[in-house]
Each structure stands twice: as C-alpha cells, then as structure tokens.
Amino acid sequence: MIIATIKNAERYYNLNRNFKDAFQFLKTLSEDSPEGGFAFEGFRGHVASLNTCDTAQDGKLKTAEAHKAYLDIHYVISGAEAIGYADTDALSPITEYLPDEDYQLFTGSVQKVHLHKGDFCIVFPEDAHVPAMCAEKESKLKKAVVKIRLY
C-alpha cells in the first residue's frame, strides 16, 4: 500500500503506465464533481458520497476485500476516512476469489490508515482493505476510487 497526498502524485507515475492519466484526472475533481462512474482508456472508477462508518462501526472489522486483476487508488475529495489494511497472508479468507468480480473477502485484524482531503492510497493485490471506516469521527466523505487493470 502507498499512502500520499495528491500534490506528490507525480512521484508514482513510473509505477504504472496509467498512473499519470489517472492522477491528472483525480486532480480535476472537487466537492462539486458529479457522483457516478467514469471510464478512460487504461482506467475506470466512480465518485461517491457516503458516511464513514457504513462499512465498519467503531473500528470493528466486518470484511476486508482484495483484488488480483486490478489495483485501486482511493482518493479523498472531501471529508476524511480510515481505511483498514492488512496483508492478505495475515488474514483468513472467507470466500474464494471471484474472477468475474475481481475480489476475495477476508476476515481478521487490520490497521487503520487515516486519509484526509487530498490524500490517496494505492491498494495492490496483496493489500486487503476495508474502506469507509470511521476516521476521527463519523463524517460525510466524498471520494473517488480508480481501478487500473494489472494484466
């Protein structure tokens, strides 16, 4: 997992051929950006508003997910969230990998990573994650999630 702020995104452009375009798109988003899906050559995703704590209450894990065919970039447009994180090897799978949906669910202990306005994290296949956990307190969150195909 990589955690950084959007103003330093160019440092990561060389990690994936689609990162430059994806981060340049993310930099155009604001609190006024419409919600919904987007798709560009090389990446796709969605913008959503939600209340944190919808996925996990009081830091108690419900389920973590991990992907194999795609990596995620979670970008906070406004508000704050905590994302639960653990290496998939440290967790117990509760489903088989579902290739058509590109996810597998896990249970176990996760660390909380706090993201605020302008922060992003890049989640790789070994990074099980639980988005929309409570940060400092429950808050209204607007975020974008970008999915970039790995193979």
C-alpha atoms as a PDB file:
ATOM      1  CA  MET A   1       0.000   0.000   0.000  1.00  0.00           C
ATOM      2  CA  ILE A   2       1.176   3.507  -0.812  1.00  0.00           C
ATOM      3  CA  ILE A   3      -0.212   6.471   1.135  1.00  0.00           C
ATOM      4  CA  ALA A   4       0.479  10.010  -0.090  1.00  0.00           C
ATOM      5  CA  THR A   5      -1.055  13.344  -0.956  1.00  0.00           C
ATOM      6  CA  ILE A   6      -2.241  14.267  -4.447  1.00  0.00           C
ATOM      7  CA  LYS A   7       0.287  17.111  -4.707  1.00  0.00           C
ATOM      8  CA  ASN A   8       3.045  14.453  -4.709  1.00  0.00           C
ATOM      9  CA  ALA A   9       1.298  12.043  -7.096  1.00  0.00           C
ATOM     10  CA  GLU A  10       3.836  12.596  -9.898  1.00  0.00           C
ATOM     11  CA  ARG A  11       6.378  10.645  -7.827  1.00  0.00           C
ATOM     12  CA  TYR A  12       4.387   7.499  -8.603  1.00  0.00           C
ATOM     13  CA  TYR A  13       3.784   7.977 -12.341  1.00  0.00           C
ATOM     14  CA  ASN A  14       6.520   5.486 -13.260  1.00  0.00           C
ATOM     15  CA  LEU A  15       4.926   2.620 -11.312  1.00  0.00           C
ATOM     16  CA  ASN A  16       2.167   2.042 -13.856  1.00  0.00           C
ATOM     17  CA  ARG A  17       1.661   3.326 -17.407  1.00  0.00           C
ATOM     18  CA  ASN A  18      -1.837   4.604 -16.482  1.00  0.00           C
ATOM     19  CA  PHE A  19      -0.949   6.417 -13.251  1.00  0.00           C
ATOM     20  CA  LYS A  20      -0.165   9.764 -14.872  1.00  0.00           C
ATOM     21  CA  ASP A  21      -3.543   9.999 -16.622  1.00  0.00           C
ATOM     22  CA  ALA A  22      -5.417   8.685 -13.573  1.00  0.00           C
ATOM     23  CA  PHE A  23      -3.805  11.140 -11.155  1.00  0.00           C
ATOM     24  CA  GLN A  24      -4.234  14.046 -13.572  1.00  0.00           C
ATOM     25  CA  PHE A  25      -7.936  13.185 -13.707  1.00  0.00           C
ATOM     26  CA  LEU A  26      -8.177  12.932  -9.911  1.00  0.00           C
ATOM     27  CA  LYS A  27      -6.644  16.399  -9.583  1.00  0.00           C
ATOM     28  CA  THR A  28      -9.615  17.823 -11.529  1.00  0.00           C
ATOM     29  CA  LEU A  29     -12.198  16.556  -9.008  1.00  0.00           C
ATOM     30  CA  SER A  30     -13.803  18.804  -6.401  1.00  0.00           C
ATOM     31  CA  GLU A  31     -16.688  18.751  -3.944  1.00  0.00           C
ATOM     32  CA  ASP A  32     -18.873  19.871  -6.880  1.00  0.00           C
ATOM     33  CA  SER A  33     -17.892  16.944  -9.109  1.00  0.00           C
ATOM     34  CA  PRO A  34     -20.888  14.787 -10.005  1.00  0.00           C
ATOM     35  CA  GLU A  35     -21.222  11.369  -8.499  1.00  0.00           C
ATOM     36  CA  GLY A  36     -21.170   8.318 -10.708  1.00  0.00           C
ATOM     37  CA  GLY A  37     -18.919   6.195 -12.822  1.00  0.00           C
ATOM     38  CA  PHE A  38     -16.159   7.210 -15.183  1.00  0.00           C
ATOM     39  CA  ALA A  39     -14.041   5.331 -17.681  1.00  0.00           C
ATOM     40  CA  PHE A  40     -10.974   6.306 -19.647  1.00  0.00           C
ATOM     41  CA  GLU A  41      -8.533   4.314 -21.690  1.00  0.00           C
ATOM     42  CA  GLY A  42      -6.450   2.497 -19.081  1.00  0.00           C
ATOM     43  CA  PHE A  43      -8.626   3.068 -16.007  1.00  0.00           C
ATOM     44  CA  ARG A  44     -12.175   3.317 -14.703  1.00  0.00           C
ATOM     45  CA  GLY A  45     -13.877   4.070 -11.426  1.00  0.00           C
ATOM     46  CA  HIS A  46     -16.504   6.054  -9.595  1.00  0.00           C
ATOM     47  CA  VAL A  47     -17.099   9.126  -7.449  1.00  0.00           C
ATOM     48  CA  ALA A  48     -19.346   8.661  -4.425  1.00  0.00           C
ATOM     49  CA  SER A  49     -20.522  10.470  -1.319  1.00  0.00           C
ATOM     50  CA  LEU A  50     -21.135   8.401   1.785  1.00  0.00           C
ATOM     51  CA  ASN A  51     -20.999   8.477   5.532  1.00  0.00           C
ATOM     52  CA  THR A  52     -17.931   6.895   7.028  1.00  0.00           C
ATOM     53  CA  CYS A  53     -18.633   4.052   9.410  1.00  0.00           C
ATOM     54  CA  ASP A  54     -21.053   2.477   6.925  1.00  0.00           C
ATOM     55  CA  THR A  55     -18.579  -0.366   6.359  1.00  0.00           C
ATOM     56  CA  ALA A  56     -17.300  -0.796   9.903  1.00  0.00           C
ATOM     57  CA  GLN A  57     -18.617   0.501  13.206  1.00  0.00           C
ATOM     58  CA  ASP A  58     -16.291   1.653  15.973  1.00  0.00           C
ATOM     59  CA  GLY A  59     -13.286   0.178  14.169  1.00  0.00           C
ATOM     60  CA  LYS A  60     -14.656  -3.368  14.283  1.00  0.00           C
ATOM     61  CA  LEU A  61     -13.949  -5.120  11.026  1.00  0.00           C
ATOM     62  CA  LYS A  62     -16.819  -6.524   9.024  1.00  0.00           C
ATOM     63  CA  THR A  63     -14.905  -7.833   5.986  1.00  0.00           C
ATOM     64  CA  ALA A  64     -11.821  -6.867   4.028  1.00  0.00           C
ATOM     65  CA  GLU A  65     -11.542  -7.228   0.264  1.00  0.00           C
ATOM     66  CA  ALA A  66      -8.603  -7.757  -2.051  1.00  0.00           C
ATOM     67  CA  HIS A  67      -8.269  -7.784  -5.831  1.00  0.00           C
ATOM     68  CA  LYS A  68      -5.984  -9.617  -8.230  1.00  0.00           C
ATOM     69  CA  ALA A  69      -6.639  -8.202 -11.707  1.00  0.00           C
ATOM     70  CA  TYR A  70      -6.906  -4.535 -10.676  1.00  0.00           C
ATOM     71  CA  LEU A  71      -5.260  -2.162  -8.251  1.00  0.00           C
ATOM     72  CA  ASP A  72      -7.277   0.600  -6.575  1.00  0.00           C
ATOM     73  CA  ILE A  73      -6.498   4.226  -5.956  1.00  0.00           C
ATOM     74  CA  HIS A  74      -8.709   5.620  -3.169  1.00  0.00           C
ATOM     75  CA  TYR A  75      -8.720   9.444  -3.263  1.00  0.00           C
ATOM     76  CA  VAL A  76     -10.424  11.673  -0.682  1.00  0.00           C
ATOM     77  CA  ILE A  77     -12.073  14.660  -2.372  1.00  0.00           C
ATOM     78  CA  SER A  78     -13.553  15.992   0.894  1.00  0.00           C
ATOM     79  CA  GLY A  79     -14.026  14.743   4.421  1.00  0.00           C
ATOM     80  CA  ALA A  80     -11.954  12.000   5.983  1.00  0.00           C
ATOM     81  CA  GLU A  81     -11.938   8.247   6.225  1.00  0.00           C
ATOM     82  CA  ALA A  82      -9.934   5.475   7.730  1.00  0.00           C
ATOM     83  CA  ILE A  83      -9.115   2.500   5.554  1.00  0.00           C
ATOM     84  CA  GLY A  84      -8.435  -0.805   7.223  1.00  0.00           C
ATOM     85  CA  TYR A  85      -5.353  -2.528   5.845  1.00  0.00           C
ATOM     86  CA  ALA A  86      -3.636  -5.896   6.232  1.00  0.00           C
ATOM     87  CA  ASP A  87      -1.548  -8.152   4.045  1.00  0.00           C
ATOM     88  CA  THR A  88      -3.751 -10.932   2.685  1.00  0.00           C
ATOM     89  CA  ASP A  89      -1.353 -13.533   4.145  1.00  0.00           C
ATOM     90  CA  ALA A  90      -2.183 -12.263   7.654  1.00  0.00           C
ATOM     91  CA  LEU A  91      -5.946 -12.745   7.200  1.00  0.00           C
ATOM     92  CA  SER A  92      -8.344 -15.662   6.816  1.00  0.00           C
ATOM     93  CA  PRO A  93     -10.238 -15.942   3.520  1.00  0.00           C
ATOM     94  CA  ILE A  94     -13.994 -16.184   3.869  1.00  0.00           C
ATOM     95  CA  THR A  95     -14.721 -16.540   0.147  1.00  0.00           C
ATOM     96  CA  GLU A  96     -12.928 -17.951  -2.837  1.00  0.00           C
ATOM     97  CA  TYR A  97     -11.513 -15.458  -5.318  1.00  0.00           C
ATOM     98  CA  LEU A  98     -14.276 -14.432  -7.737  1.00  0.00           C
ATOM     99  CA  PRO A  99     -12.531 -13.564 -11.022  1.00  0.00           C
ATOM    100  CA  ASP A 100     -15.612 -12.077 -12.733  1.00  0.00           C
ATOM    101  CA  GLU A 101     -15.972  -9.522  -9.924  1.00  0.00           C
ATOM    102  CA  ASP A 102     -12.227  -9.432  -9.117  1.00  0.00           C
ATOM    103  CA  TYR A 103     -12.413  -9.738  -5.367  1.00  0.00           C
ATOM    104  CA  GLN A 104     -11.964 -12.064  -2.452  1.00  0.00           C
ATOM    105  CA  LEU A 105     -13.222 -11.397   1.081  1.00  0.00           C
ATOM    106  CA  PHE A 106     -11.160 -11.870   4.242  1.00  0.00           C
ATOM    107  CA  THR A 107     -11.528 -11.531   7.998  1.00  0.00           C
ATOM    108  CA  GLY A 108      -9.002 -10.703  10.695  1.00  0.00           C
ATOM    109  CA  SER A 109      -7.241  -7.776  12.313  1.00  0.00           C
ATOM    110  CA  VAL A 110      -6.459  -4.687  10.253  1.00  0.00           C
ATOM    111  CA  GLN A 111      -4.517  -1.490  10.858  1.00  0.00           C
ATOM    112  CA  LYS A 112      -6.299   1.806  10.317  1.00  0.00           C
ATOM    113  CA  VAL A 113      -4.787   4.265   7.857  1.00  0.00           C
ATOM    114  CA  HIS A 114      -6.289   7.773   8.035  1.00  0.00           C
ATOM    115  CA  LEU A 115      -6.910   9.733   4.837  1.00  0.00           C
ATOM    116  CA  HIS A 116      -7.999  13.376   4.695  1.00  0.00           C
ATOM    117  CA  LYS A 117      -8.911  15.769   1.900  1.00  0.00           C
ATOM    118  CA  GLY A 118      -6.287  15.474  -0.860  1.00  0.00           C
ATOM    119  CA  ASP A 119      -4.846  12.165   0.374  1.00  0.00           C
ATOM    120  CA  PHE A 120      -4.826   8.926  -1.594  1.00  0.00           C
ATOM    121  CA  CYS A 121      -3.758   5.355  -1.126  1.00  0.00           C
ATOM    122  CA  ILE A 122      -2.832   2.807  -3.757  1.00  0.00           C
ATOM    123  CA  VAL A 123      -4.001  -0.698  -2.926  1.00  0.00           C
ATOM    124  CA  PHE A 124      -2.172  -3.591  -4.598  1.00  0.00           C
ATOM    125  CA  PRO A 125      -3.338  -7.242  -4.835  1.00  0.00           C
ATOM    126  CA  GLU A 126      -1.671  -8.241  -1.544  1.00  0.00           C
ATOM    127  CA  ASP A 127      -3.377  -5.345   0.275  1.00  0.00           C
ATOM    128  CA  ALA A 128      -6.683  -6.382   1.810  1.00  0.00           C
ATOM    129  CA  HIS A 129      -8.640  -3.255   2.639  1.00  0.00           C
ATOM    130  CA  VAL A 130     -11.800  -2.011   4.345  1.00  0.00           C
ATOM    131  CA  PRO A 131     -12.807   1.434   3.046  1.00  0.00           C
ATOM    132  CA  ALA A 132     -15.119   3.954   4.745  1.00  0.00           C
ATOM    133  CA  MET A 133     -14.145   3.167   8.331  1.00  0.00           C
ATOM    134  CA  CYS A 134     -14.519   5.905  10.934  1.00  0.00           C
ATOM    135  CA  ALA A 135     -11.560   8.272  10.996  1.00  0.00           C
ATOM    136  CA  GLU A 136     -11.589  10.650  13.966  1.00  0.00           C
ATOM    137  CA  LYS A 137     -15.377  10.646  13.962  1.00  0.00           C
ATOM    138  CA  GLU A 138     -18.180   9.753  11.610  1.00  0.00           C
ATOM    139  CA  SER A 139     -18.157  12.184   8.724  1.00  0.00           C
ATOM    140  CA  LYS A 140     -19.534  12.876   5.291  1.00  0.00           C
ATOM    141  CA  LEU A 141     -16.998  11.655   2.774  1.00  0.00           C
ATOM    142  CA  LYS A 142     -16.681  12.326  -0.936  1.00  0.00           C
ATOM    143  CA  LYS A 143     -14.143  10.130  -2.624  1.00  0.00           C
ATOM    144  CA  ALA A 144     -13.123   8.631  -5.914  1.00  0.00           C
ATOM    145  CA  VAL A 145     -11.942   5.087  -6.457  1.00  0.00           C
ATOM    146  CA  VAL A 146      -9.894   4.387  -9.586  1.00  0.00           C
ATOM    147  CA  LYS A 147      -9.385   0.837 -10.809  1.00  0.00           C
ATOM    148  CA  ILE A 148      -6.396   0.106 -13.044  1.00  0.00           C
ATOM    149  CA  ARG A 149      -6.004  -3.283 -14.705  1.00  0.00           C
ATOM    150  CA  LEU A 150      -2.731  -5.029 -13.885  1.00  0.00           C
ATOM    151  CA  TYR A 151      -2.818  -7.652 -16.653  1.00  0.00           C
END
